[in-house]
Protein backbone atom coordinates (compact mmCIF):
# COMPACT_ATOMS: atom_id res chain seq x y z
CA UNK A 1 93.98 100.28 100.87
CA UNK A 2 94.16 103.98 101.63
CA UNK A 3 94.44 105.34 105.16
CA UNK A 4 92.36 108.36 106.16
CA UNK A 5 92.76 109.71 109.68
CA UNK A 6 89.96 112.05 110.72
CA UNK A 7 91.07 114.31 113.62
CA UNK A 8 88.59 114.63 116.47
CA UNK A 9 86.29 117.66 116.13
CA UNK A 10 88.01 118.72 112.88
CA UNK A 11 86.38 121.46 110.86
CA UNK A 12 88.01 123.52 108.13
CA UNK A 13 88.68 127.15 109.01
CA UNK A 14 87.80 128.18 105.45
CA UNK A 15 84.94 127.51 103.04
CA UNK A 16 85.69 125.91 99.65
CA UNK A 17 85.67 129.33 98.00
CA UNK A 18 87.90 130.87 100.65
CA UNK A 19 90.24 127.89 100.40
CA UNK A 20 90.73 128.39 96.66
CA UNK A 21 91.44 132.08 97.12
CA UNK A 22 93.82 131.40 100.00
CA UNK A 23 95.75 128.76 98.00
CA UNK A 24 96.35 131.26 95.21
CA UNK A 25 97.48 134.00 97.59
CA UNK A 26 99.65 131.61 99.59
CA UNK A 27 101.50 130.29 96.56
CA UNK A 28 102.23 133.73 95.14
CA UNK A 29 103.37 135.04 98.52
CA UNK A 30 105.67 132.12 99.29
CA UNK A 31 107.24 132.10 95.83
CA UNK A 32 108.16 135.76 96.20
CA UNK A 33 109.64 135.30 99.67
CA UNK A 34 111.52 132.12 98.68
CA UNK A 35 113.08 133.87 95.69
CA UNK A 36 114.27 136.70 97.91
CA UNK A 37 115.63 134.34 100.58
CA UNK A 38 117.61 132.10 98.21
CA UNK A 39 118.32 134.50 95.31
CA UNK A 40 116.57 132.30 92.75
CA UNK A 41 114.30 132.95 89.74
CA UNK A 42 111.65 130.95 87.92
CA UNK A 43 112.46 128.82 84.84
CA UNK A 44 110.46 126.58 82.55
CA UNK A 45 110.87 122.86 83.22
CA UNK A 46 109.80 119.55 81.64
CA UNK A 47 106.83 117.39 82.58
CA UNK A 48 108.64 114.36 81.14
CA UNK A 49 112.21 113.36 80.21
CA UNK A 50 113.79 110.74 77.95
CA UNK A 51 113.86 107.31 79.57
CA UNK A 52 117.51 106.80 78.62
CA UNK A 53 118.89 110.13 79.89
CA UNK A 54 119.21 109.36 83.59
CA UNK A 55 117.47 112.67 84.38
CA UNK A 56 114.48 111.19 86.21
CA UNK A 57 114.59 111.03 89.99
CA UNK A 58 114.70 107.42 91.18
CA UNK A 59 113.30 108.32 94.62
CA UNK A 60 113.80 105.17 96.73
CA UNK A 61 114.72 103.08 93.70
CA UNK A 62 111.57 100.95 93.61
CA UNK A 63 108.84 103.32 92.39
CA UNK A 64 107.61 102.75 88.82
CA UNK A 65 107.61 105.82 86.56
CA UNK A 66 104.77 106.47 84.14
CA UNK A 67 106.39 105.68 80.79
CA UNK A 68 105.13 106.10 77.24
CA UNK A 69 106.41 105.94 73.67
CA UNK A 70 106.66 108.96 71.37
CA UNK A 71 105.46 108.40 67.81
CA UNK A 72 107.76 110.88 66.04
CA UNK A 73 111.02 110.15 67.86
CA UNK A 74 110.51 106.38 68.24
CA UNK A 75 111.81 106.72 71.79
CA UNK A 76 110.32 106.41 75.27
CA UNK A 77 109.78 109.13 77.84
CA UNK A 78 108.95 109.13 81.54
CA UNK A 79 106.81 111.59 83.49
CA UNK A 80 109.13 112.94 86.14
CA UNK A 81 109.12 111.82 89.77
CA UNK A 82 110.90 115.07 90.54
CA UNK A 83 113.41 117.35 88.83
CA UNK A 84 116.32 116.73 91.21
CA UNK A 85 118.77 115.93 88.40
CA UNK A 86 117.30 118.03 85.60
CA UNK A 87 117.64 121.21 87.68
CA UNK A 88 121.37 120.76 88.05
CA UNK A 89 121.71 120.33 84.31
CA UNK A 90 119.59 123.46 83.83
CA UNK A 91 122.00 125.51 85.96
CA UNK A 92 124.73 124.54 83.49
CA UNK A 93 122.64 124.88 80.32
CA UNK A 94 121.19 128.28 81.29
CA UNK A 95 124.52 129.65 82.51
CA UNK A 96 123.65 130.37 86.14
CA UNK A 97 126.65 131.81 88.04
CA UNK A 98 127.71 130.75 91.52
CA UNK A 99 125.34 132.19 94.12
CA UNK A 100 122.35 132.31 91.76
CA UNK A 101 119.65 129.71 91.33
CA UNK A 102 116.36 128.66 89.79
CA UNK A 103 113.00 127.27 90.80
CA UNK A 104 110.11 125.79 88.89
CA UNK A 105 106.61 124.44 89.38
CA UNK A 106 107.15 120.68 89.30
CA UNK A 107 104.18 118.44 88.59
CA UNK A 108 104.68 114.69 88.86
CA UNK A 109 102.77 111.42 88.87
CA UNK A 110 103.84 108.81 91.41
CA UNK A 111 101.66 105.86 90.55
CA UNK A 112 102.88 103.68 93.43
CA UNK A 113 102.33 106.28 96.15
CA UNK A 114 100.20 105.19 99.09
CA UNK A 115 97.09 107.28 99.65
CA UNK A 116 96.62 108.82 103.08
CA UNK A 117 96.13 112.26 104.61
CA UNK A 118 99.34 113.65 103.11
CA UNK A 119 99.98 111.48 100.01
CA UNK A 120 98.33 111.18 96.62
CA UNK A 121 99.56 110.04 93.22
CA UNK A 122 99.83 113.69 92.13
CA UNK A 123 102.82 115.62 93.43
CA UNK A 124 103.31 119.37 93.10
CA UNK A 125 106.48 121.03 94.34
CA UNK A 126 108.56 124.13 94.09
CA UNK A 127 111.72 122.44 92.85
CA UNK A 128 114.73 124.73 93.31
CA UNK A 129 118.47 124.53 92.67
CA UNK A 130 121.33 126.94 93.26
CA UNK A 131 124.93 126.99 91.99
CA UNK A 132 127.53 126.99 94.77
CA UNK A 133 131.30 126.92 95.13
CA UNK A 134 133.42 124.10 96.56
CA UNK A 135 133.83 126.19 99.72
CA UNK A 136 130.04 126.21 100.17
CA UNK A 137 129.81 122.42 100.50
CA UNK A 138 129.59 122.64 104.29
CA UNK A 139 127.07 121.90 107.00
CA UNK A 140 127.02 125.59 107.95
CA UNK A 141 125.98 126.62 104.43
CA UNK A 142 123.27 123.93 104.45
CA UNK A 143 121.91 125.11 107.81
CA UNK A 144 121.86 128.77 106.75
CA UNK A 145 119.88 127.83 103.64
CA UNK A 146 117.36 125.93 105.77
CA UNK A 147 116.95 128.98 108.04
CA UNK A 148 116.23 131.13 104.98
CA UNK A 149 113.48 128.76 103.84
CA UNK A 150 111.90 128.67 107.31
CA UNK A 151 111.91 132.48 107.51
CA UNK A 152 110.17 132.65 104.11
CA UNK A 153 107.62 130.13 105.37
CA UNK A 154 106.93 132.02 108.62
CA UNK A 155 106.67 135.37 106.80
CA UNK A 156 104.14 133.80 104.41
CA UNK A 157 102.09 132.48 107.32
CA UNK A 158 101.97 135.93 108.90
CA UNK A 159 100.68 137.49 105.67
CA UNK A 160 98.05 134.79 105.12
CA UNK A 161 96.74 135.10 108.68
CA UNK A 162 96.21 138.82 108.09
CA UNK A 163 93.96 137.97 105.13
CA UNK A 164 92.26 135.01 106.84
CA UNK A 165 92.15 135.67 110.62
CA UNK A 166 90.35 132.39 111.33
CA UNK A 167 93.56 130.45 110.60
CA UNK A 168 95.23 129.35 113.84
CA UNK A 169 98.44 127.71 112.53
CA UNK A 170 101.70 128.57 114.32
CA UNK A 171 105.20 127.75 113.03
CA UNK A 172 108.32 128.17 115.14
CA UNK A 173 111.10 130.15 113.44
CA UNK A 174 113.92 128.62 115.45
CA UNK A 175 115.15 125.42 113.78
CA UNK A 176 116.41 122.42 115.74
CA UNK A 177 119.11 120.56 113.80
CA UNK A 178 119.75 116.86 114.43
CA UNK A 179 121.29 113.98 112.45
CA UNK A 180 119.52 110.70 111.75
CA UNK A 181 122.15 108.88 113.81
CA UNK A 182 121.67 111.21 116.77
CA UNK A 183 117.94 110.57 116.50
CA UNK A 184 118.44 106.80 116.50
CA UNK A 185 120.77 107.07 119.51
CA UNK A 186 118.14 109.14 121.31
CA UNK A 187 115.21 106.79 120.55
CA UNK A 188 116.75 103.34 119.83
CA UNK A 189 113.49 101.46 120.46
CA UNK A 190 111.32 103.55 118.14
CA UNK A 191 110.81 103.27 114.39
CA UNK A 192 112.18 106.01 112.13
CA UNK A 193 108.78 107.68 111.84
CA UNK A 194 108.13 107.41 115.57
CA UNK A 195 111.49 109.10 116.24
CA UNK A 196 110.56 111.96 113.94
CA UNK A 197 107.23 112.40 115.71
CA UNK A 198 108.72 112.33 119.20
CA UNK A 199 111.48 114.84 118.44
CA UNK A 200 109.39 117.19 116.29
CA UNK A 201 106.56 117.30 118.82
CA UNK A 202 109.05 118.72 121.34
CA UNK A 203 111.03 121.05 119.05
CA UNK A 204 108.27 122.03 116.54
CA UNK A 205 110.58 123.00 113.63
CA UNK A 206 113.28 120.48 112.77
CA UNK A 207 115.90 119.82 110.11
CA UNK A 208 116.76 116.12 110.18
CA UNK A 209 120.18 115.68 108.58
CA UNK A 210 122.25 112.94 106.94
CA UNK A 211 119.62 110.69 105.37
CA UNK A 212 120.41 107.86 102.97
CA UNK A 213 123.27 105.85 104.42
CA UNK A 214 123.05 102.97 106.88
CA UNK A 215 122.97 103.82 110.59
CA UNK A 216 124.76 101.94 113.39
CA UNK A 217 121.75 99.64 113.61
CA UNK A 218 122.39 98.60 110.01
CA UNK A 219 119.12 100.20 108.90
CA UNK A 220 118.58 103.39 106.92
CA UNK A 221 116.46 106.15 108.42
CA UNK A 222 114.90 106.57 104.99
CA UNK A 223 115.79 105.84 101.38
CA UNK A 224 117.55 108.33 99.12
CA UNK A 225 118.73 107.94 95.53
CA UNK A 226 122.55 107.80 95.44
CA UNK A 227 123.06 110.29 92.63
CA UNK A 228 121.65 113.65 93.72
CA UNK A 229 121.98 114.49 97.45
CA UNK A 230 125.24 114.01 99.30
CA UNK A 231 124.03 111.79 102.15
CA UNK A 232 126.36 113.60 104.54
CA UNK A 233 124.98 117.04 103.61
CA UNK A 234 121.24 116.61 103.17
CA UNK A 235 118.05 116.45 105.21
CA UNK A 236 114.31 116.91 105.62
CA UNK A 237 112.45 119.94 106.98
CA UNK A 238 109.86 118.74 109.50
CA UNK A 239 107.16 120.92 111.08
CA UNK A 240 104.88 119.77 113.90
CA UNK A 241 101.35 119.56 112.50
CA UNK A 242 98.82 120.28 115.24
CA UNK A 243 95.85 119.13 113.18
CA UNK A 244 97.31 115.69 112.39
CA UNK A 245 99.48 115.49 115.52
CA UNK A 246 102.57 114.35 113.64
CA UNK A 247 105.89 115.46 112.17
CA UNK A 248 105.00 116.96 108.79
CA UNK A 249 107.67 116.87 106.08
CA UNK A 250 107.49 119.87 103.77
CA UNK A 251 110.88 119.57 102.08
CA UNK A 252 113.63 117.13 101.21
CA UNK A 253 116.82 118.97 100.25
CA UNK A 254 120.57 118.99 100.36
CA UNK A 255 123.93 119.84 98.91
CA UNK A 256 124.27 117.73 95.78
CA UNK A 257 126.88 115.07 95.18
CA UNK A 258 130.28 116.03 93.85
CA UNK A 259 132.38 113.50 91.95
CA UNK A 260 133.72 111.78 95.07
CA UNK A 261 130.34 111.56 96.79
CA UNK A 262 128.69 110.21 93.63
CA UNK A 263 131.22 107.41 93.23
CA UNK A 264 131.02 106.52 96.91
CA UNK A 265 127.23 106.42 96.98
CA UNK A 266 126.84 104.56 93.67
CA UNK A 267 129.10 101.86 95.07
CA UNK A 268 127.21 101.71 98.37
CA UNK A 269 123.90 101.46 96.51
CA UNK A 270 125.23 98.85 94.05
CA UNK A 271 124.33 101.20 91.20
CA UNK A 272 127.71 101.77 89.54
CA UNK A 273 126.19 100.98 86.14
CA UNK A 274 124.65 104.46 86.19
CA UNK A 275 128.09 105.99 85.59
CA UNK A 276 127.49 105.48 81.86
CA UNK A 277 124.30 107.54 81.71
CA UNK A 278 124.55 111.04 80.16
CA UNK A 279 123.75 112.94 83.37
CA UNK A 280 126.28 110.99 85.40
CA UNK A 281 129.00 111.38 82.78
CA UNK A 282 128.54 115.14 82.85
CA UNK A 283 128.84 115.10 86.63
CA UNK A 284 131.94 112.91 86.66
CA UNK A 285 133.77 115.02 84.07
CA UNK A 286 132.98 118.25 86.02
CA UNK A 287 130.67 119.67 83.34
CA UNK A 288 127.84 120.24 85.81
CA UNK A 289 128.21 122.90 88.51
CA UNK A 290 128.27 122.16 92.23
CA UNK A 291 124.86 122.90 93.67
CA UNK A 292 122.37 122.77 96.51
CA UNK A 293 118.69 122.15 95.97
CA UNK A 294 115.44 120.61 97.06
CA UNK A 295 111.72 120.33 96.65
CA UNK A 296 109.08 122.09 98.75
CA UNK A 297 105.64 120.55 98.59
CA UNK A 298 103.04 123.05 97.35
CA UNK A 299 99.98 121.13 98.50
CA UNK A 300 101.79 120.14 101.70
CA UNK A 301 102.51 123.78 102.49
CA UNK A 302 98.91 124.76 101.76
CA UNK A 303 97.71 121.98 104.06
CA UNK A 304 99.97 123.12 106.86
CA UNK A 305 99.31 126.85 106.73
CA UNK A 306 95.55 126.58 106.09
CA UNK A 307 95.14 123.95 108.81
CA UNK A 308 93.72 121.23 106.56
CA UNK A 309 93.38 117.57 107.56
CA UNK A 310 93.71 115.95 104.12
CA UNK A 311 95.74 116.79 101.02
CA UNK A 312 92.60 116.29 98.95
CA UNK A 313 91.26 119.52 100.45
CA UNK A 314 93.92 121.53 98.59
CA UNK A 315 94.60 119.55 95.38
CA UNK A 316 92.60 117.71 92.74
CA UNK A 317 93.61 114.09 92.16
CA UNK A 318 92.16 110.61 91.68
CA UNK A 319 90.98 109.03 94.94
CA UNK A 320 89.88 105.57 95.95
CA UNK A 321 86.36 104.88 97.23
CA UNK A 322 87.49 104.69 100.87
CA UNK A 323 88.94 108.21 100.75
CA UNK A 324 85.82 109.65 99.13
CA UNK A 325 83.47 107.85 101.51
CA UNK A 326 85.44 108.77 104.65
CA UNK A 327 85.68 112.40 103.60
CA UNK A 328 81.95 112.62 102.92
CA UNK A 329 81.04 111.02 106.24
CA UNK A 330 83.37 113.39 108.13
CA UNK A 331 82.21 116.49 106.28
CA UNK A 332 85.64 116.98 104.70
CA UNK A 333 85.52 118.31 101.14
CA UNK A 334 87.78 116.21 98.89
CA UNK A 335 88.39 118.08 95.64
């Protein structure tokens, strides 16, 4: 059953009409600033990929993709969960040089997603990827990239607040960097989500690093597929959300696996059979470029900047009866 938290005394700063106008302005503004910060340009991307290509993102490894057969090709395709792997192939196929990158509007269906204030079965992201050199595969390069994204985010907020003065959102430019192990050491008695909330409430803007591998406790902070991010060089951007009073993830990103990291993580995840898939073969024979990339939630970002309490206020999806009823009773417009 869905979970719908209604903040005390919540009321949208914008009408439905103003919200639609603000979403359009916000997206255009952020895209422009993100392109400038990361030196990336827009490309066309697929809604679905062949089921046998290995291009689909496996997320945590348990989510079911939406799959269908194609009459003409007599093959199956899957609607993407994200474009984490396809983007790296696109860098190679489109001939992007080191230091240049791409982004696209990614639209996905995640049929097993839980429904709550920040999740629906429809996912929209700016998926981006950038070609890098072997010398760039460092924590410093990762941190500098994160700072560029946060600056683009804060600059966008400033512009939107000029157009819509009723918006009260504040985002801290200074980023606090911490690893998942450091977070567990700091809060050993809390769950992973509780640790994120406690730390982000204090530091406001956080990049939580090194997600995917087992911690000293034997548990993972969170799941990550073994074949895109290097678990030693990845992380989540978390912003403190004053409306929902929680750590609010707007991006999962990282430096992608090289050959050594891929083999190590496939073994750790007991997924070495993937080495025979086309994408993985291209990575292991050095056909694909080294890269860094991530996804930035479009609806998530609109929620955060516009001060919305539910993702259904900024995107159209299919909702269960509890979500629709709770929204109506609270005076929250679910699109």
